[in-house]
Structure formats: C-alpha cells, structure tokens
Amino acid sequence: MEVAVSPVKESAIRLGRPVVQPATIKNNTEFRDQLAAIRPDAIIVVGYGRIIPQWMIDLPRLGNLNLHASLLPKYRGAAPIQWAIACGESVTGVTTMRIDAGLDTGDILLQREMSIGPEDTAETLGPKLASIGADLMEETLRGLENGDVHPSPQDDAQATLAPILKKEDGRMDFARSANDLCNRLRGFQPWPGAFTSFKGKTLRVHRAQPAQRAPALMPGDVGVEGSRLCVGCGKNNDAETMLELVEIQLEGKRRMTAQEFINGYRPQSGDHLGQ
C-alpha cells in the first residue's frame, strides 16, 4: 500500500535524467514552456490513455510517437492486449505510429507481429509485446532520422475497438461457446477476471477448459461427473459446447480445485450457474 516509483522513472533517476510529473498537460503553461525549452526531436508516448493536446503534437520535428500493443487499425483503445486474446486472435503485435488528434488513429510507422500461444494470458503476453515494442521504437527513431521510415495512413474501414475494461466484462455469459469463455478468461487477467454466481454467491473461475467429454447440458446448467465439474455453454458451429471448471473460488473462500469444491459444497447435476 505504498506509492512505488515506475520503472521509467527509476531508470531516469539512475541515468541522471530530469523527471517531471505534471498532473495535467493540456493547459499547463509551465510544462509547455519546459518542453519547448528542450526542443525535442521526438516525444514518445506509451500507455498514456488520454488525448495529446495539439500544442504538444506540433512541437517535435519527428512528431509524437506512440507504441501501441496491437496491429493497428485493429484494437484501437485502452485494452488491446486483453481484447485480442478475448476475441480469440492467434496473432497480434505492436505498432509504432505518429500521434494525431484522434485516439490511435495516426499514421502507421512500423509493425511487428507476434503469435498468441494457447496458454497466453494478458499477464504473460504483455511483457513479450513490451520487449519487441522497445526494439521497434528504437528502429522507428533511427528510420525517421535517416529517412527510411515512411508513414502510411490507417484504413479506418478495418478498425476495431478495444475499450477500457469494466467489471461487468468478466461476468460469464453461458450463452457463449466454451472456447469464447476460455478466451475471455485468459484475456481478462488479472482484472476483471471471470466470474458467475452459485446459489446466490459470487463464483470466480481461475482456470477452465473446453470439456472434451461431458454430459449434454443446457447453458448454465451444472454437470458433475466424478471429480469433473462442467457447465453447459452455447453452440459453436451448431454443436453444443461444455466448459470444464478446473480451479474456482467461492465468495469468501480460498481458491480450490473442482474436486475440492465438489467435496465441500456438493453441487448436483441440474444446479445452475448465474443465478
């Protein structure tokens, strides 16, 4: 519960670089004067999440450069990593772009792809994208300086959105297919996660997988088969799907395996999740 120094600030202090942390920038004349005095060739903006004022866009000769964690114009917005996984993408990447007055709408400079593994979550994929993104930003700066990088406009017709996550995004809708629910569970880590309710109490799902063999169940209906706890889900290609809950946590209790949950809370086939 203590305020921590960010890795960027920590590195700047170690390297003897000045650090300025204005609360706002849009109408901050003091900060504007500070930047103007530096006369920067470029300004790099990563993970800021707000519109950059026009005076700052116009200041550096190479522009305000953003590193975005998607292959633009796909997944414009605040949560591109989370939504790419949640939507079942197998490939994502990073994009360097020149910021304009819109939200992630500026000209593309360079892009680099990366595969999304079947076990990747937003927590594991983020650091991988950050690593290749840092290299791409260096390449972009060198290319802009020597004239090898040429901006290209985004095709707005191909744009998709990755809005900021809300708690309700984690609520499991069993009308969705089992694959869809698994993708959302992986994408929405660590927050809002995946949750439903069981007999009036919140049930968080930490690990789940599409069931390879399970009794036929209506969406939301529970099936207990030995140590396996399954729930009916929506169709995929006209075929009913089932989700096997592997690790779960009932409101006010610790995380537990499906077997522990079955032993302790005695769910019955025919019980329903989400009520």
Foldseek 3Di string as FASTA:
>chain_A
DDDDDDPVVVVCVVVVHDDDDDPDDQPDVVVLVVVLVVQDQEAEDELPQDFDHPSQQPRHVLGYKYKDFFDPLEAFENQSQLVCLLVPHQKTWIWIFHDDRDGPFGFTWDIDMDTADPQAASVRVVVVRVVVSVVVVVVSVVCSVVVNTDTDGGDPVPHDHDYDDDLCLQEDDQQAAQSSNQSNQRSQPPPPHHWWAFPRWIKGFNDKHKDPDFDDADRFFWDDDPLWIKGWGHDDPNHTTIMTGAWMATPPGDIDGSNVCCVPVVDHGGGGIRD
